[in-house]
Amino acid sequence: MSARGRELDGISMPPAVPGAVLHVLLPVVAAAAAQTGVDIIGWRIAVLVFAVLGMLFPQTLGGWLSIGCLAVGMLLGEPDVAVTMLMVLFVHLMHVLSALLPVVPWRGRVVLSALRPTVRRLLLGQLIIQPVTLGVVLVQQADGTVIGGAVLLGAAAVVGIVALFAPSVRGRS
């Protein structure tokens, strides 16, 4: 067989992520979140146990139970603005991973281009959620004295959302 014939015998695959990496990311993100925002050791352990359960058996919804434990553990503490915003990112990442894991086999591979819409939705969600989180935390910490600014921020967010989604809605009609 010629060298040219051997070249055609191979299968080329676009860049991909092993399924095991996505599975292991759930407890890694959960551990980082628990270490960052949960002060009570019992709730940290619960977050990790449920994240590992969600990693090993995604059908048990352990990832979402881990998110619930994370929320309760965080509410029992006194996080500052930066930690709260970071926790919102962690919770969103854990939610996305928990949704992906049931359909990604451990030994499978996920092509990066297939993850692009998921990453885009994650970033778009964070673009909307982070300013809202900042506004809520600032209003809560100011005992209601910055309500006027929060109203303006909310109005700006609504205008931004409409400007973002109006072209896609107009194109569908």
N, C-alpha and C. Protein backbone atom coordinates (compact mmCIF):
# COMPACT_ATOMS: atom_id res chain seq x y z
N MET A 1 0.84 -1.18 0.00
CA MET A 1 0.00 0.00 0.00
C MET A 1 0.89 1.24 0.00
N SER A 2 0.51 2.21 -0.77
CA SER A 2 1.32 3.43 -0.88
C SER A 2 1.10 4.33 0.34
N ALA A 3 2.00 5.29 0.49
CA ALA A 3 1.89 6.23 1.61
C ALA A 3 0.60 7.04 1.51
N ARG A 4 0.20 7.37 0.31
CA ARG A 4 -1.04 8.14 0.11
C ARG A 4 -2.25 7.32 0.55
N GLY A 5 -2.24 6.04 0.29
CA GLY A 5 -3.34 5.17 0.70
C GLY A 5 -3.45 5.06 2.21
N ARG A 6 -2.31 5.03 2.91
CA ARG A 6 -2.32 4.96 4.37
C ARG A 6 -2.85 6.26 4.98
N GLU A 7 -2.59 7.39 4.34
CA GLU A 7 -3.09 8.67 4.84
C GLU A 7 -4.60 8.71 4.83
N LEU A 8 -5.21 8.11 3.84
CA LEU A 8 -6.66 8.13 3.71
C LEU A 8 -7.34 7.13 4.64
N ASP A 9 -6.59 6.22 5.25
CA ASP A 9 -7.18 5.23 6.13
C ASP A 9 -7.55 5.78 7.51
N GLY A 10 -7.04 6.91 7.88
CA GLY A 10 -7.28 7.46 9.22
C GLY A 10 -8.57 8.26 9.28
N ILE A 11 -9.03 8.46 10.50
CA ILE A 11 -10.21 9.28 10.74
C ILE A 11 -9.75 10.52 11.48
N SER A 12 -10.08 11.66 10.94
CA SER A 12 -9.71 12.89 11.64
C SER A 12 -10.91 13.36 12.46
N MET A 13 -10.61 13.82 13.66
CA MET A 13 -11.67 14.27 14.56
C MET A 13 -11.35 15.69 15.02
N PRO A 14 -12.35 16.55 15.06
CA PRO A 14 -12.09 17.90 15.55
C PRO A 14 -11.71 17.88 17.03
N PRO A 15 -11.18 18.97 17.54
CA PRO A 15 -10.79 19.00 18.95
C PRO A 15 -11.97 18.64 19.86
N ALA A 16 -11.68 17.82 20.87
CA ALA A 16 -12.74 17.33 21.75
C ALA A 16 -12.25 17.25 23.18
N VAL A 17 -13.20 17.23 24.10
CA VAL A 17 -12.92 17.09 25.53
C VAL A 17 -13.37 15.70 25.95
N PRO A 18 -12.54 14.95 26.68
CA PRO A 18 -12.99 13.65 27.17
C PRO A 18 -14.17 13.82 28.13
N GLY A 19 -15.11 12.90 28.07
CA GLY A 19 -16.28 12.95 28.94
C GLY A 19 -15.90 12.92 30.41
N ALA A 20 -14.84 12.20 30.74
CA ALA A 20 -14.40 12.11 32.13
C ALA A 20 -14.03 13.49 32.69
N VAL A 21 -13.48 14.35 31.84
CA VAL A 21 -13.10 15.69 32.30
C VAL A 21 -14.35 16.47 32.72
N LEU A 22 -15.41 16.39 31.93
CA LEU A 22 -16.65 17.09 32.29
C LEU A 22 -17.23 16.52 33.58
N HIS A 23 -17.14 15.19 33.75
CA HIS A 23 -17.66 14.58 34.97
C HIS A 23 -16.87 15.02 36.20
N VAL A 24 -15.56 15.08 36.08
CA VAL A 24 -14.71 15.44 37.23
C VAL A 24 -14.83 16.93 37.55
N LEU A 25 -15.20 17.74 36.56
CA LEU A 25 -15.32 19.18 36.81
C LEU A 25 -16.40 19.52 37.84
N LEU A 26 -17.47 18.72 37.91
CA LEU A 26 -18.54 19.04 38.86
C LEU A 26 -18.04 19.07 40.30
N PRO A 27 -17.39 18.01 40.81
CA PRO A 27 -16.90 18.11 42.19
C PRO A 27 -15.78 19.14 42.37
N VAL A 28 -15.00 19.38 41.32
CA VAL A 28 -13.93 20.38 41.43
C VAL A 28 -14.54 21.78 41.61
N VAL A 29 -15.53 22.10 40.79
CA VAL A 29 -16.20 23.40 40.91
C VAL A 29 -16.94 23.49 42.24
N ALA A 30 -17.58 22.38 42.65
CA ALA A 30 -18.30 22.37 43.93
C ALA A 30 -17.34 22.58 45.10
N ALA A 31 -16.16 21.96 45.03
CA ALA A 31 -15.17 22.13 46.11
C ALA A 31 -14.69 23.57 46.17
N ALA A 32 -14.44 24.17 45.01
CA ALA A 32 -14.01 25.57 44.99
C ALA A 32 -15.11 26.48 45.54
N ALA A 33 -16.35 26.19 45.17
CA ALA A 33 -17.47 27.00 45.66
C ALA A 33 -17.64 26.85 47.16
N ALA A 34 -17.58 25.61 47.65
CA ALA A 34 -17.74 25.37 49.08
C ALA A 34 -16.63 26.04 49.87
N GLN A 35 -15.42 25.96 49.37
CA GLN A 35 -14.29 26.58 50.06
C GLN A 35 -14.41 28.10 50.07
N THR A 36 -14.96 28.65 48.99
CA THR A 36 -15.06 30.11 48.87
C THR A 36 -16.20 30.70 49.69
N GLY A 37 -17.38 30.07 49.64
CA GLY A 37 -18.55 30.73 50.19
C GLY A 37 -19.25 30.09 51.35
N VAL A 38 -18.80 28.90 51.79
CA VAL A 38 -19.49 28.22 52.88
C VAL A 38 -18.55 28.14 54.07
N ASP A 39 -18.98 28.72 55.19
CA ASP A 39 -18.14 28.75 56.38
C ASP A 39 -18.30 27.51 57.26
N ILE A 40 -19.45 26.86 57.22
CA ILE A 40 -19.75 25.74 58.11
C ILE A 40 -19.27 24.44 57.46
N ILE A 41 -18.43 23.70 58.18
CA ILE A 41 -17.78 22.51 57.62
C ILE A 41 -18.80 21.43 57.22
N GLY A 42 -19.87 21.29 57.97
CA GLY A 42 -20.89 20.28 57.65
C GLY A 42 -21.54 20.53 56.30
N TRP A 43 -21.81 21.80 56.01
CA TRP A 43 -22.39 22.13 54.71
C TRP A 43 -21.38 21.97 53.58
N ARG A 44 -20.11 22.25 53.86
CA ARG A 44 -19.07 22.00 52.86
C ARG A 44 -19.03 20.52 52.49
N ILE A 45 -19.07 19.67 53.51
CA ILE A 45 -19.03 18.22 53.27
C ILE A 45 -20.26 17.79 52.47
N ALA A 46 -21.43 18.32 52.83
CA ALA A 46 -22.66 17.96 52.11
C ALA A 46 -22.56 18.38 50.64
N VAL A 47 -22.01 19.55 50.39
CA VAL A 47 -21.84 20.02 49.00
C VAL A 47 -20.97 19.04 48.23
N LEU A 48 -19.86 18.63 48.83
CA LEU A 48 -18.94 17.72 48.14
C LEU A 48 -19.53 16.33 47.96
N VAL A 49 -20.21 15.82 48.98
CA VAL A 49 -20.80 14.48 48.88
C VAL A 49 -21.83 14.44 47.75
N PHE A 50 -22.70 15.43 47.71
CA PHE A 50 -23.72 15.43 46.65
C PHE A 50 -23.10 15.69 45.27
N ALA A 51 -22.04 16.47 45.21
CA ALA A 51 -21.37 16.70 43.92
C ALA A 51 -20.73 15.41 43.41
N VAL A 52 -20.11 14.65 44.31
CA VAL A 52 -19.52 13.37 43.91
C VAL A 52 -20.63 12.40 43.49
N LEU A 53 -21.74 12.41 44.22
CA LEU A 53 -22.88 11.57 43.83
C LEU A 53 -23.38 11.97 42.44
N GLY A 54 -23.46 13.27 42.19
CA GLY A 54 -23.88 13.75 40.87
C GLY A 54 -22.88 13.41 39.78
N MET A 55 -21.61 13.32 40.14
CA MET A 55 -20.59 12.95 39.17
C MET A 55 -20.70 11.46 38.82
N LEU A 56 -20.83 10.63 39.84
CA LEU A 56 -20.86 9.18 39.62
C LEU A 56 -22.18 8.70 39.04
N PHE A 57 -23.28 9.28 39.53
CA PHE A 57 -24.62 8.87 39.10
C PHE A 57 -25.42 10.12 38.75
N PRO A 58 -25.23 10.67 37.55
CA PRO A 58 -25.89 11.94 37.19
C PRO A 58 -27.41 11.88 37.26
N GLN A 59 -27.99 10.69 37.10
CA GLN A 59 -29.45 10.56 37.13
C GLN A 59 -30.03 10.82 38.51
N THR A 60 -29.19 10.78 39.56
CA THR A 60 -29.68 11.01 40.93
C THR A 60 -29.90 12.49 41.22
N LEU A 61 -29.51 13.35 40.31
CA LEU A 61 -29.61 14.80 40.48
C LEU A 61 -28.78 15.30 41.65
N GLY A 62 -27.71 14.60 41.94
CA GLY A 62 -26.82 14.99 43.03
C GLY A 62 -26.21 16.36 42.83
N GLY A 63 -25.97 16.75 41.59
CA GLY A 63 -25.41 18.07 41.33
C GLY A 63 -26.33 19.19 41.80
N TRP A 64 -27.63 19.01 41.57
CA TRP A 64 -28.58 20.03 42.01
C TRP A 64 -28.76 20.01 43.53
N LEU A 65 -28.68 18.84 44.14
CA LEU A 65 -28.70 18.78 45.60
C LEU A 65 -27.48 19.49 46.17
N SER A 66 -26.36 19.35 45.50
CA SER A 66 -25.14 20.04 45.90
C SER A 66 -25.33 21.56 45.83
N ILE A 67 -26.01 22.02 44.79
CA ILE A 67 -26.29 23.46 44.66
C ILE A 67 -27.18 23.92 45.80
N GLY A 68 -28.17 23.12 46.17
CA GLY A 68 -29.05 23.47 47.29
C GLY A 68 -28.28 23.58 48.60
N CYS A 69 -27.39 22.62 48.84
CA CYS A 69 -26.57 22.67 50.06
C CYS A 69 -25.65 23.88 50.04
N LEU A 70 -25.15 24.21 48.88
CA LEU A 70 -24.29 25.39 48.73
C LEU A 70 -25.06 26.66 49.08
N ALA A 71 -26.29 26.76 48.60
CA ALA A 71 -27.10 27.95 48.88
C ALA A 71 -27.40 28.07 50.38
N VAL A 72 -27.79 26.96 51.00
CA VAL A 72 -28.08 27.00 52.44
C VAL A 72 -26.83 27.34 53.23
N GLY A 73 -25.72 26.71 52.90
CA GLY A 73 -24.47 26.98 53.60
C GLY A 73 -24.03 28.42 53.44
N MET A 74 -24.27 29.00 52.28
CA MET A 74 -23.89 30.39 52.06
C MET A 74 -24.80 31.33 52.82
N LEU A 75 -26.10 31.02 52.87
CA LEU A 75 -27.04 31.89 53.58
C LEU A 75 -26.77 31.93 55.07
N LEU A 76 -26.17 30.88 55.61
CA LEU A 76 -25.87 30.85 57.04
C LEU A 76 -24.66 31.70 57.39
N GLY A 77 -23.92 32.14 56.40
CA GLY A 77 -22.74 32.99 56.63
C GLY A 77 -23.04 34.43 56.26
N GLU A 78 -22.00 35.24 56.23
CA GLU A 78 -22.11 36.66 55.88
C GLU A 78 -21.16 36.97 54.72
N PRO A 79 -21.49 36.56 53.50
CA PRO A 79 -20.58 36.81 52.38
C PRO A 79 -20.60 38.28 51.95
N ASP A 80 -19.49 38.73 51.41
CA ASP A 80 -19.44 40.09 50.88
C ASP A 80 -19.86 40.09 49.41
N VAL A 81 -19.80 41.24 48.78
CA VAL A 81 -20.28 41.38 47.41
C VAL A 81 -19.50 40.50 46.44
N ALA A 82 -18.19 40.52 46.52
CA ALA A 82 -17.36 39.75 45.58
C ALA A 82 -17.62 38.25 45.73
N VAL A 83 -17.72 37.78 46.96
CA VAL A 83 -17.97 36.35 47.19
C VAL A 83 -19.35 35.98 46.66
N THR A 84 -20.34 36.83 46.87
CA THR A 84 -21.69 36.55 46.37
C THR A 84 -21.69 36.44 44.85
N MET A 85 -21.02 37.35 44.19
CA MET A 85 -20.98 37.30 42.73
C MET A 85 -20.23 36.08 42.23
N LEU A 86 -19.16 35.71 42.92
CA LEU A 86 -18.42 34.50 42.56
C LEU A 86 -19.27 33.25 42.78
N MET A 87 -20.05 33.25 43.85
CA MET A 87 -20.91 32.09 44.12
C MET A 87 -22.00 31.94 43.05
N VAL A 88 -22.50 33.06 42.55
CA VAL A 88 -23.49 32.99 41.47
C VAL A 88 -22.86 32.33 40.24
N LEU A 89 -21.62 32.67 39.94
CA LEU A 89 -20.91 32.02 38.83
C LEU A 89 -20.74 30.53 39.09
N PHE A 90 -20.30 30.17 40.30
CA PHE A 90 -20.11 28.76 40.63
C PHE A 90 -21.42 27.97 40.51
N VAL A 91 -22.50 28.53 41.03
CA VAL A 91 -23.79 27.84 40.97
C VAL A 91 -24.22 27.65 39.52
N HIS A 92 -24.02 28.66 38.69
CA HIS A 92 -24.38 28.54 37.28
C HIS A 92 -23.54 27.46 36.59
N LEU A 93 -22.24 27.44 36.87
CA LEU A 93 -21.37 26.40 36.30
C LEU A 93 -21.82 25.01 36.74
N MET A 94 -22.13 24.87 38.03
CA MET A 94 -22.58 23.56 38.53
C MET A 94 -23.90 23.15 37.89
N HIS A 95 -24.78 24.11 37.66
CA HIS A 95 -26.05 23.82 37.01
C HIS A 95 -25.82 23.33 35.58
N VAL A 96 -24.95 24.01 34.84
CA VAL A 96 -24.66 23.62 33.46
C VAL A 96 -24.04 22.23 33.42
N LEU A 97 -23.07 21.97 34.30
CA LEU A 97 -22.44 20.65 34.33
C LEU A 97 -23.44 19.57 34.72
N SER A 98 -24.30 19.85 35.69
CA SER A 98 -25.30 18.87 36.11
C SER A 98 -26.28 18.55 34.99
N ALA A 99 -26.54 19.52 34.13
CA ALA A 99 -27.43 19.28 33.00
C ALA A 99 -26.73 18.49 31.90
N LEU A 100 -25.42 18.66 31.74
CA LEU A 100 -24.68 17.96 30.69
C LEU A 100 -24.35 16.51 31.04
N LEU A 101 -24.06 16.26 32.31
CA LEU A 101 -23.52 14.95 32.69
C LEU A 101 -24.41 13.76 32.33
N PRO A 102 -25.74 13.84 32.47
CA PRO A 102 -26.54 12.66 32.11
C PRO A 102 -26.43 12.24 30.65
N VAL A 103 -26.04 13.14 29.77
CA VAL A 103 -25.97 12.80 28.34
C VAL A 103 -24.55 12.62 27.83
N VAL A 104 -23.55 12.78 28.71
CA VAL A 104 -22.15 12.62 28.31
C VAL A 104 -21.60 11.36 28.97
N PRO A 105 -21.27 10.33 28.18
CA PRO A 105 -20.70 9.12 28.77
C PRO A 105 -19.28 9.37 29.27
N TRP A 106 -18.90 8.61 30.29
CA TRP A 106 -17.57 8.75 30.88
C TRP A 106 -16.48 8.55 29.84
N ARG A 107 -16.63 7.54 28.99
CA ARG A 107 -15.57 7.22 28.01
C ARG A 107 -15.76 7.94 26.69
N GLY A 108 -16.80 8.75 26.59
CA GLY A 108 -17.06 9.47 25.35
C GLY A 108 -16.22 10.73 25.23
N ARG A 109 -16.37 11.38 24.10
CA ARG A 109 -15.67 12.64 23.85
C ARG A 109 -16.72 13.64 23.37
N VAL A 110 -16.57 14.88 23.79
CA VAL A 110 -17.49 15.93 23.36
C VAL A 110 -16.70 16.92 22.52
N VAL A 111 -17.12 17.07 21.29
CA VAL A 111 -16.45 17.99 20.37
C VAL A 111 -16.67 19.42 20.88
N LEU A 112 -15.61 20.20 20.86
CA LEU A 112 -15.68 21.57 21.40
C LEU A 112 -16.75 22.41 20.72
N SER A 113 -16.93 22.22 19.43
CA SER A 113 -17.96 23.01 18.73
C SER A 113 -19.36 22.67 19.23
N ALA A 114 -19.55 21.47 19.77
CA ALA A 114 -20.85 21.11 20.34
C ALA A 114 -21.08 21.81 21.68
N LEU A 115 -20.01 22.18 22.37
CA LEU A 115 -20.13 22.88 23.65
C LEU A 115 -20.28 24.39 23.47
N ARG A 116 -20.04 24.88 22.27
CA ARG A 116 -20.08 26.33 22.04
C ARG A 116 -21.42 26.96 22.41
N PRO A 117 -22.59 26.40 22.02
CA PRO A 117 -23.86 27.03 22.43
C PRO A 117 -24.05 27.03 23.95
N THR A 118 -23.58 25.99 24.61
CA THR A 118 -23.70 25.93 26.07
C THR A 118 -22.85 27.01 26.72
N VAL A 119 -21.64 27.18 26.24
CA VAL A 119 -20.76 28.22 26.78
C VAL A 119 -21.34 29.60 26.49
N ARG A 120 -21.90 29.77 25.31
CA ARG A 120 -22.51 31.06 24.95
C ARG A 120 -23.67 31.39 25.89
N ARG A 121 -24.53 30.39 26.18
CA ARG A 121 -25.64 30.62 27.10
C ARG A 121 -25.14 30.92 28.51
N LEU A 122 -24.08 30.22 28.92
CA LEU A 122 -23.50 30.48 30.25
C LEU A 122 -23.00 31.92 30.34
N LEU A 123 -22.28 32.37 29.34
CA LEU A 123 -21.75 33.74 29.36
C LEU A 123 -22.86 34.78 29.27
N LEU A 124 -23.85 34.52 28.44
CA LEU A 124 -24.98 35.45 28.33
C LEU A 124 -25.73 35.52 29.66
N GLY A 125 -25.93 34.38 30.28
CA GLY A 125 -26.59 34.37 31.59
C GLY A 125 -25.81 35.16 32.61
N GLN A 126 -24.49 34.99 32.62
CA GLN A 126 -23.67 35.73 33.58
C GLN A 126 -23.69 37.23 33.28
N LEU A 127 -23.76 37.57 32.01
CA LEU A 127 -23.83 38.98 31.63
C LEU A 127 -25.08 39.64 32.20
N ILE A 128 -26.15 38.88 32.32
CA ILE A 128 -27.40 39.40 32.88
C ILE A 128 -27.42 39.26 34.40
N ILE A 129 -26.99 38.11 34.90
CA ILE A 129 -27.14 37.80 36.33
C ILE A 129 -26.19 38.61 37.21
N GLN A 130 -24.96 38.81 36.79
CA GLN A 130 -23.99 39.47 37.65
C GLN A 130 -24.38 40.91 38.01
N PRO A 131 -24.81 41.75 37.06
CA PRO A 131 -25.25 43.10 37.47
C PRO A 131 -26.47 43.07 38.39
N VAL A 132 -27.39 42.14 38.14
CA VAL A 132 -28.56 42.02 39.01
C VAL A 132 -28.12 41.62 40.42
N THR A 133 -27.19 40.68 40.51
CA THR A 133 -26.68 40.26 41.82
C THR A 133 -26.02 41.44 42.53
N LEU A 134 -25.22 42.18 41.82
CA LEU A 134 -24.57 43.35 42.41
C LEU A 134 -25.61 44.34 42.93
N GLY A 135 -26.61 44.60 42.13
CA GLY A 135 -27.66 45.53 42.54
C GLY A 135 -28.41 45.05 43.77
N VAL A 136 -28.77 43.79 43.80
CA VAL A 136 -29.50 43.24 44.95
C VAL A 136 -28.66 43.32 46.21
N VAL A 137 -27.40 42.95 46.12
CA VAL A 137 -26.53 42.98 47.30
C VAL A 137 -26.33 44.41 47.78
N LEU A 138 -26.13 45.35 46.87
CA LEU A 138 -25.95 46.75 47.27
C LEU A 138 -27.20 47.32 47.91
N VAL A 139 -28.37 46.99 47.36
CA VAL A 139 -29.62 47.46 47.96
C VAL A 139 -29.80 46.86 49.35
N GLN A 140 -29.50 45.59 49.49
CA GLN A 140 -29.66 44.93 50.79
C GLN A 140 -28.70 45.49 51.82
N GLN A 141 -27.49 45.80 51.42
CA GLN A 141 -26.51 46.34 52.35
C GLN A 141 -26.77 47.80 52.69
N ALA A 142 -27.42 48.54 51.81
CA ALA A 142 -27.65 49.97 52.03
C ALA A 142 -28.95 50.23 52.78
N ASP A 143 -29.63 49.20 53.22
CA ASP A 143 -30.90 49.34 53.95
C ASP A 143 -31.93 50.14 53.16
N GLY A 144 -31.93 50.00 51.86
CA GLY A 144 -32.95 50.62 51.03
C GLY A 144 -32.65 52.04 50.59
N THR A 145 -31.49 52.59 50.92
CA THR A 145 -31.21 53.98 50.56
C THR A 145 -30.82 54.15 49.09
N VAL A 146 -30.51 53.10 48.41
CA VAL A 146 -30.12 53.21 47.00
C VAL A 146 -31.17 52.60 46.08
N ILE A 147 -32.41 52.63 46.51
CA ILE A 147 -33.49 52.05 45.71
C ILE A 147 -33.59 52.76 44.36
N GLY A 148 -33.43 54.08 44.33
CA GLY A 148 -33.51 54.82 43.06
C GLY A 148 -32.48 54.33 42.06
N GLY A 149 -31.25 54.11 42.52
CA GLY A 149 -30.20 53.59 41.64
C GLY A 149 -30.51 52.18 41.17
N ALA A 150 -31.10 51.38 42.07
CA ALA A 150 -31.45 50.01 41.70
C ALA A 150 -32.55 50.00 40.64
N VAL A 151 -33.49 50.94 40.75
CA VAL A 151 -34.55 51.03 39.75
C VAL A 151 -33.95 51.39 38.39
N LEU A 152 -33.03 52.35 38.38
CA LEU A 152 -32.37 52.72 37.12
C LEU A 152 -31.57 51.56 36.55
N LEU A 153 -30.87 50.83 37.42
CA LEU A 153 -30.10 49.67 36.97
C LEU A 153 -31.03 48.61 36.39
N GLY A 154 -32.16 48.37 37.04
CA GLY A 154 -33.13 47.40 36.54
C GLY A 154 -33.70 47.82 35.20
N ALA A 155 -34.00 49.11 35.06
CA ALA A 155 -34.52 49.61 33.78
C ALA A 155 -33.48 49.45 32.68
N ALA A 156 -32.22 49.74 33.00
CA ALA A 156 -31.15 49.56 32.01
C ALA A 156 -31.00 48.09 31.62
N ALA A 157 -31.16 47.20 32.59
CA ALA A 157 -31.07 45.76 32.30
C ALA A 157 -32.20 45.33 31.38
N VAL A 158 -33.40 45.82 31.62
CA VAL A 158 -34.54 45.48 30.76
C VAL A 158 -34.31 45.99 29.34
N VAL A 159 -33.83 47.22 29.21
CA VAL A 159 -33.53 47.77 27.88
C VAL A 159 -32.46 46.94 27.19
N GLY A 160 -31.43 46.54 27.94
CA GLY A 160 -30.38 45.71 27.37
C GLY A 160 -30.89 44.36 26.89
N ILE A 161 -31.76 43.74 27.68
CA ILE A 161 -32.32 42.44 27.31
C ILE A 161 -33.18 42.58 26.06
N VAL A 162 -34.01 43.61 26.02
CA VAL A 162 -34.86 43.83 24.85
C VAL A 162 -34.00 44.08 23.61
N ALA A 163 -32.97 44.89 23.75
CA ALA A 163 -32.09 45.17 22.61
C ALA A 163 -31.36 43.92 22.15
N LEU A 164 -31.06 43.04 23.09
CA LEU A 164 -30.34 41.82 22.75
C LEU A 164 -31.23 40.81 22.03
N PHE A 165 -32.48 40.66 22.52
CA PHE A 165 -33.34 39.62 21.98
C PHE A 165 -34.31 40.10 20.91
N ALA A 166 -34.52 41.39 20.76
CA ALA A 166 -35.47 41.90 19.77
C ALA A 166 -35.10 41.49 18.35
N PRO A 167 -33.84 41.57 17.94
CA PRO A 167 -33.52 41.16 16.56
C PRO A 167 -33.84 39.68 16.29
N SER A 168 -33.61 38.82 17.25
CA SER A 168 -33.88 37.39 17.01
C SER A 168 -35.38 37.12 16.98
N VAL A 169 -36.17 37.84 17.76
CA VAL A 169 -37.62 37.66 17.75
C VAL A 169 -38.19 38.20 16.45
N ARG A 170 -37.69 39.35 16.00
CA ARG A 170 -38.17 39.94 14.76
C ARG A 170 -37.88 39.02 13.57
N GLY A 171 -36.76 38.32 13.60
CA GLY A 171 -36.39 37.44 12.50
C GLY A 171 -37.25 36.19 12.41
N ARG A 172 -37.90 35.81 13.50
CA ARG A 172 -38.71 34.58 13.51
C ARG A 172 -40.12 34.81 12.99
N SER A 173 -40.62 36.05 12.98
CA SER A 173 -42.00 36.26 12.57
C SER A 173 -42.15 36.29 11.08
